[in-house]
Amino acid sequence: MIFLKLTFLYIVVAGILGLIFLGPVGAIIGGIIGFVFGVTQSNYRRIVNLEKEINDLKNNKS
């Protein structure tokens, strides 16, 4: 669940920055960019954890 919280944080921060610099359209664009970045970071962390588990399993079987 922490991944969703961080994604929401990225959406809010990017949306606020977009609003400051570009107005309402910037808020929408910033929200989309924040969502994409948040999901990317979430998936990256999951992949890293899965790779660690795979390596642990390989080392235990050897």
PDB file of N, CA and C in Angstrom:
ATOM      1  N   MET A   1       0.809  -1.204   0.000  1.00  0.00           N
ATOM      2  CA  MET A   1       0.000   0.000   0.000  1.00  0.00           C
ATOM      3  C   MET A   1       0.852   1.268   0.000  1.00  0.00           C
ATOM      4  N   ILE A   2       2.098   1.130   0.438  1.00  0.00           N
ATOM      5  CA  ILE A   2       2.943   2.325   0.457  1.00  0.00           C
ATOM      6  C   ILE A   2       3.215   2.829  -0.961  1.00  0.00           C
ATOM      7  N   PHE A   3       3.159   1.908  -1.945  1.00  0.00           N
ATOM      8  CA  PHE A   3       3.400   2.315  -3.322  1.00  0.00           C
ATOM      9  C   PHE A   3       2.311   3.272  -3.793  1.00  0.00           C
ATOM     10  N   LEU A   4       1.072   3.008  -3.380  1.00  0.00           N
ATOM     11  CA  LEU A   4      -0.027   3.883  -3.777  1.00  0.00           C
ATOM     12  C   LEU A   4       0.100   5.253  -3.123  1.00  0.00           C
ATOM     13  N   LYS A   5       0.583   5.277  -1.891  1.00  0.00           N
ATOM     14  CA  LYS A   5       0.758   6.554  -1.194  1.00  0.00           C
ATOM     15  C   LYS A   5       1.828   7.399  -1.874  1.00  0.00           C
ATOM     16  N   LEU A   6       2.924   6.749  -2.270  1.00  0.00           N
ATOM     17  CA  LEU A   6       3.980   7.496  -2.947  1.00  0.00           C
ATOM     18  C   LEU A   6       3.526   7.966  -4.320  1.00  0.00           C
ATOM     19  N   THR A   7       2.773   7.141  -5.018  1.00  0.00           N
ATOM     20  CA  THR A   7       2.252   7.545  -6.322  1.00  0.00           C
ATOM     21  C   THR A   7       1.347   8.756  -6.170  1.00  0.00           C
ATOM     22  N   PHE A   8       0.494   8.729  -5.157  1.00  0.00           N
ATOM     23  CA  PHE A   8      -0.385   9.868  -4.905  1.00  0.00           C
ATOM     24  C   PHE A   8       0.436  11.114  -4.586  1.00  0.00           C
ATOM     25  N   LEU A   9       1.495  10.959  -3.826  1.00  0.00           N
ATOM     26  CA  LEU A   9       2.360  12.095  -3.501  1.00  0.00           C
ATOM     27  C   LEU A   9       2.990  12.676  -4.761  1.00  0.00           C
ATOM     28  N   TYR A  10       3.478  11.804  -5.655  1.00  0.00           N
ATOM     29  CA  TYR A  10       4.066  12.281  -6.918  1.00  0.00           C
ATOM     30  C   TYR A  10       3.022  13.027  -7.755  1.00  0.00           C
ATOM     31  N   ILE A  11       1.797  12.522  -7.780  1.00  0.00           N
ATOM     32  CA  ILE A  11       0.732  13.176  -8.545  1.00  0.00           C
ATOM     33  C   ILE A  11       0.472  14.576  -8.001  1.00  0.00           C
ATOM     34  N   VAL A  12       0.369  14.681  -6.685  1.00  0.00           N
ATOM     35  CA  VAL A  12       0.074  15.976  -6.058  1.00  0.00           C
ATOM     36  C   VAL A  12       1.207  16.970  -6.290  1.00  0.00           C
ATOM     37  N   VAL A  13       2.430  16.535  -6.061  1.00  0.00           N
ATOM     38  CA  VAL A  13       3.578  17.446  -6.214  1.00  0.00           C
ATOM     39  C   VAL A  13       3.703  17.914  -7.663  1.00  0.00           C
ATOM     40  N   ALA A  14       3.633  16.974  -8.612  1.00  0.00           N
ATOM     41  CA  ALA A  14       3.757  17.363 -10.017  1.00  0.00           C
ATOM     42  C   ALA A  14       2.583  18.229 -10.454  1.00  0.00           C
ATOM     43  N   GLY A  15       1.392  17.936  -9.944  1.00  0.00           N
ATOM     44  CA  GLY A  15       0.224  18.755 -10.274  1.00  0.00           C
ATOM     45  C   GLY A  15       0.354  20.176  -9.755  1.00  0.00           C
ATOM     46  N   ILE A  16       0.848  20.322  -8.540  1.00  0.00           N
ATOM     47  CA  ILE A  16       1.029  21.666  -7.966  1.00  0.00           C
ATOM     48  C   ILE A  16       2.095  22.443  -8.740  1.00  0.00           C
ATOM     49  N   LEU A  17       3.191  21.771  -9.055  1.00  0.00           N
ATOM     50  CA  LEU A  17       4.234  22.454  -9.831  1.00  0.00           C
ATOM     51  C   LEU A  17       3.716  22.858 -11.211  1.00  0.00           C
ATOM     52  N   GLY A  18       2.959  21.977 -11.842  1.00  0.00           N
ATOM     53  CA  GLY A  18       2.374  22.308 -13.141  1.00  0.00           C
ATOM     54  C   GLY A  18       1.408  23.468 -13.047  1.00  0.00           C
ATOM     55  N   LEU A  19       0.634  23.508 -11.967  1.00  0.00           N
ATOM     56  CA  LEU A  19      -0.308  24.610 -11.761  1.00  0.00           C
ATOM     57  C   LEU A  19       0.424  25.937 -11.584  1.00  0.00           C
ATOM     58  N   ILE A  20       1.510  25.899 -10.843  1.00  0.00           N
ATOM     59  CA  ILE A  20       2.276  27.124 -10.609  1.00  0.00           C
ATOM     60  C   ILE A  20       2.866  27.666 -11.911  1.00  0.00           C
ATOM     61  N   PHE A  21       3.440  26.774 -12.711  1.00  0.00           N
ATOM     62  CA  PHE A  21       4.159  27.230 -13.895  1.00  0.00           C
ATOM     63  C   PHE A  21       3.287  27.393 -15.137  1.00  0.00           C
ATOM     64  N   LEU A  22       2.267  26.537 -15.300  1.00  0.00           N
ATOM     65  CA  LEU A  22       1.503  26.560 -16.548  1.00  0.00           C
ATOM     66  C   LEU A  22       0.003  26.793 -16.361  1.00  0.00           C
ATOM     67  N   GLY A  23      -0.453  26.879 -15.145  1.00  0.00           N
ATOM     68  CA  GLY A  23      -1.876  27.089 -14.911  1.00  0.00           C
ATOM     69  C   GLY A  23      -2.638  25.765 -14.868  1.00  0.00           C
ATOM     70  N   PRO A  24      -3.954  25.814 -15.085  1.00  0.00           N
ATOM     71  CA  PRO A  24      -4.787  24.614 -14.973  1.00  0.00           C
ATOM     72  C   PRO A  24      -4.368  23.485 -15.922  1.00  0.00           C
ATOM     73  N   VAL A  25      -3.980  23.830 -17.123  1.00  0.00           N
ATOM     74  CA  VAL A  25      -3.529  22.799 -18.060  1.00  0.00           C
ATOM     75  C   VAL A  25      -2.253  22.149 -17.535  1.00  0.00           C
ATOM     76  N   GLY A  26      -1.385  22.933 -16.957  1.00  0.00           N
ATOM     77  CA  GLY A  26      -0.153  22.399 -16.374  1.00  0.00           C
ATOM     78  C   GLY A  26      -0.430  21.466 -15.209  1.00  0.00           C
ATOM     79  N   ALA A  27      -1.500  21.759 -14.452  1.00  0.00           N
ATOM     80  CA  ALA A  27      -1.859  20.878 -13.343  1.00  0.00           C
ATOM     81  C   ALA A  27      -2.268  19.509 -13.868  1.00  0.00           C
ATOM     82  N   ILE A  28      -3.011  19.486 -14.954  1.00  0.00           N
ATOM     83  CA  ILE A  28      -3.434  18.207 -15.544  1.00  0.00           C
ATOM     84  C   ILE A  28      -2.225  17.462 -16.098  1.00  0.00           C
ATOM     85  N   ILE A  29      -1.399  18.172 -16.855  1.00  0.00           N
ATOM     86  CA  ILE A  29      -0.197  17.541 -17.415  1.00  0.00           C
ATOM     87  C   ILE A  29       0.725  17.063 -16.290  1.00  0.00           C
ATOM     88  N   GLY A  30       0.902  17.879 -15.275  1.00  0.00           N
ATOM     89  CA  GLY A  30       1.743  17.488 -14.137  1.00  0.00           C
ATOM     90  C   GLY A  30       1.187  16.278 -13.408  1.00  0.00           C
ATOM     91  N   GLY A  31      -0.133  16.209 -13.263  1.00  0.00           N
ATOM     92  CA  GLY A  31      -0.743  15.038 -12.632  1.00  0.00           C
ATOM     93  C   GLY A  31      -0.490  13.777 -13.423  1.00  0.00           C
ATOM     94  N   ILE A  32      -0.595  13.885 -14.733  1.00  0.00           N
ATOM     95  CA  ILE A  32      -0.333  12.717 -15.581  1.00  0.00           C
ATOM     96  C   ILE A  32       1.135  12.297 -15.477  1.00  0.00           C
ATOM     97  N   ILE A  33       2.027  13.279 -15.521  1.00  0.00           N
ATOM     98  CA  ILE A  33       3.458  12.970 -15.398  1.00  0.00           C
ATOM     99  C   ILE A  33       3.752  12.365 -14.015  1.00  0.00           C
ATOM    100  N   GLY A  34       3.153  12.914 -12.980  1.00  0.00           N
ATOM    101  CA  GLY A  34       3.335  12.369 -11.634  1.00  0.00           C
ATOM    102  C   GLY A  34       2.827  10.944 -11.519  1.00  0.00           C
ATOM    103  N   PHE A  35       1.686  10.660 -12.160  1.00  0.00           N
ATOM    104  CA  PHE A  35       1.145   9.298 -12.137  1.00  0.00           C
ATOM    105  C   PHE A  35       2.089   8.326 -12.833  1.00  0.00           C
ATOM    106  N   VAL A  36       2.562   8.704 -14.010  1.00  0.00           N
ATOM    107  CA  VAL A  36       3.474   7.830 -14.762  1.00  0.00           C
ATOM    108  C   VAL A  36       4.761   7.601 -13.971  1.00  0.00           C
ATOM    109  N   PHE A  37       5.312   8.652 -13.389  1.00  0.00           N
ATOM    110  CA  PHE A  37       6.540   8.518 -12.603  1.00  0.00           C
ATOM    111  C   PHE A  37       6.311   7.644 -11.379  1.00  0.00           C
ATOM    112  N   GLY A  38       5.195   7.851 -10.695  1.00  0.00           N
ATOM    113  CA  GLY A  38       4.890   7.057  -9.505  1.00  0.00           C
ATOM    114  C   GLY A  38       4.729   5.581  -9.816  1.00  0.00           C
ATOM    115  N   VAL A  39       4.024   5.272 -10.890  1.00  0.00           N
ATOM    116  CA  VAL A  39       3.845   3.876 -11.276  1.00  0.00           C
ATOM    117  C   VAL A  39       5.177   3.262 -11.691  1.00  0.00           C
ATOM    118  N   THR A  40       5.996   4.022 -12.393  1.00  0.00           N
ATOM    119  CA  THR A  40       7.310   3.531 -12.807  1.00  0.00           C
ATOM    120  C   THR A  40       8.167   3.201 -11.586  1.00  0.00           C
ATOM    121  N   GLN A  41       8.190   4.088 -10.618  1.00  0.00           N
ATOM    122  CA  GLN A  41       8.972   3.849  -9.405  1.00  0.00           C
ATOM    123  C   GLN A  41       8.448   2.653  -8.633  1.00  0.00           C
ATOM    124  N   SER A  42       7.142   2.524  -8.555  1.00  0.00           N
ATOM    125  CA  SER A  42       6.526   1.400  -7.857  1.00  0.00           C
ATOM    126  C   SER A  42       6.909   0.084  -8.514  1.00  0.00           C
ATOM    127  N   ASN A  43       6.806   0.025  -9.827  1.00  0.00           N
ATOM    128  CA  ASN A  43       7.160  -1.201 -10.547  1.00  0.00           C
ATOM    129  C   ASN A  43       8.644  -1.502 -10.426  1.00  0.00           C
ATOM    130  N   TYR A  44       9.482  -0.474 -10.444  1.00  0.00           N
ATOM    131  CA  TYR A  44      10.924  -0.676 -10.303  1.00  0.00           C
ATOM    132  C   TYR A  44      11.233  -1.330  -8.953  1.00  0.00           C
ATOM    133  N   ARG A  45      10.618  -0.824  -7.893  1.00  0.00           N
ATOM    134  CA  ARG A  45      10.869  -1.398  -6.561  1.00  0.00           C
ATOM    135  C   ARG A  45      10.397  -2.842  -6.490  1.00  0.00           C
ATOM    136  N   ARG A  46       9.264  -3.132  -7.089  1.00  0.00           N
ATOM    137  CA  ARG A  46       8.757  -4.505  -7.087  1.00  0.00           C
ATOM    138  C   ARG A  46       9.684  -5.428  -7.857  1.00  0.00           C
ATOM    139  N   ILE A  47      10.184  -4.983  -8.989  1.00  0.00           N
ATOM    140  CA  ILE A  47      11.089  -5.801  -9.794  1.00  0.00           C
ATOM    141  C   ILE A  47      12.378  -6.075  -9.028  1.00  0.00           C
ATOM    142  N   VAL A  48      12.905  -5.070  -8.351  1.00  0.00           N
ATOM    143  CA  VAL A  48      14.130  -5.254  -7.574  1.00  0.00           C
ATOM    144  C   VAL A  48      13.901  -6.280  -6.464  1.00  0.00           C
ATOM    145  N   ASN A  49      12.765  -6.196  -5.778  1.00  0.00           N
ATOM    146  CA  ASN A  49      12.464  -7.159  -4.718  1.00  0.00           C
ATOM    147  C   ASN A  49      12.314  -8.569  -5.283  1.00  0.00           C
ATOM    148  N   LEU A  50      11.669  -8.700  -6.421  1.00  0.00           N
ATOM    149  CA  LEU A  50      11.519 -10.014  -7.032  1.00  0.00           C
ATOM    150  C   LEU A  50      12.862 -10.587  -7.478  1.00  0.00           C
ATOM    151  N   GLU A  51      13.730  -9.750  -8.015  1.00  0.00           N
ATOM    152  CA  GLU A  51      15.062 -10.221  -8.411  1.00  0.00           C
ATOM    153  C   GLU A  51      15.849 -10.710  -7.209  1.00  0.00           C
ATOM    154  N   LYS A  52      15.730 -10.027  -6.076  1.00  0.00           N
ATOM    155  CA  LYS A  52      16.405 -10.478  -4.857  1.00  0.00           C
ATOM    156  C   LYS A  52      15.871 -11.833  -4.415  1.00  0.00           C
ATOM    157  N   GLU A  53      14.550 -12.004  -4.458  1.00  0.00           N
ATOM    158  CA  GLU A  53      13.963 -13.284  -4.074  1.00  0.00           C
ATOM    159  C   GLU A  53      14.397 -14.396  -5.016  1.00  0.00           C
ATOM    160  N   ILE A  54      14.457 -14.127  -6.312  1.00  0.00           N
ATOM    161  CA  ILE A  54      14.902 -15.130  -7.279  1.00  0.00           C
ATOM    162  C   ILE A  54      16.344 -15.535  -7.008  1.00  0.00           C
ATOM    163  N   ASN A  55      17.209 -14.564  -6.741  1.00  0.00           N
ATOM    164  CA  ASN A  55      18.600 -14.875  -6.444  1.00  0.00           C
ATOM    165  C   ASN A  55      18.726 -15.690  -5.158  1.00  0.00           C
ATOM    166  N   ASP A  56      17.919 -15.370  -4.163  1.00  0.00           N
ATOM    167  CA  ASP A  56      17.926 -16.142  -2.915  1.00  0.00           C
ATOM    168  C   ASP A  56      17.500 -17.580  -3.167  1.00  0.00           C
ATOM    169  N   LEU A  57      16.467 -17.759  -3.965  1.00  0.00           N
ATOM    170  CA  LEU A  57      16.002 -19.111  -4.278  1.00  0.00           C
ATOM    171  C   LEU A  57      17.049 -19.891  -5.076  1.00  0.00           C
ATOM    172  N   LYS A  58      17.707 -19.233  -6.016  1.00  0.00           N
ATOM    173  CA  LYS A  58      18.760 -19.900  -6.796  1.00  0.00           C
ATOM    174  C   LYS A  58      19.906 -20.335  -5.907  1.00  0.00           C
ATOM    175  N   ASN A  59      20.286 -19.466  -4.950  1.00  0.00           N
ATOM    176  CA  ASN A  59      21.403 -19.773  -4.061  1.00  0.00           C
ATOM    177  C   ASN A  59      21.045 -20.899  -3.096  1.00  0.00           C
ATOM    178  N   ASN A  60      19.799 -21.003  -2.698  1.00  0.00           N
ATOM    179  CA  ASN A  60      19.384 -22.065  -1.779  1.00  0.00           C
ATOM    180  C   ASN A  60      19.359 -23.414  -2.464  1.00  0.00           C
ATOM    181  N   LYS A  61      19.029 -23.473  -3.738  1.00  0.00           N
ATOM    182  CA  LYS A  61      18.950 -24.739  -4.456  1.00  0.00           C
ATOM    183  C   LYS A  61      20.323 -25.251  -4.867  1.00  0.00           C
ATOM    184  N   SER A  62      21.290 -24.366  -4.995  1.00  0.00           N
ATOM    185  CA  SER A  62      22.616 -24.768  -5.472  1.00  0.00           C
ATOM    186  C   SER A  62      23.387 -25.498  -4.407  1.00  0.00           C
TER     187      SER A  62
END
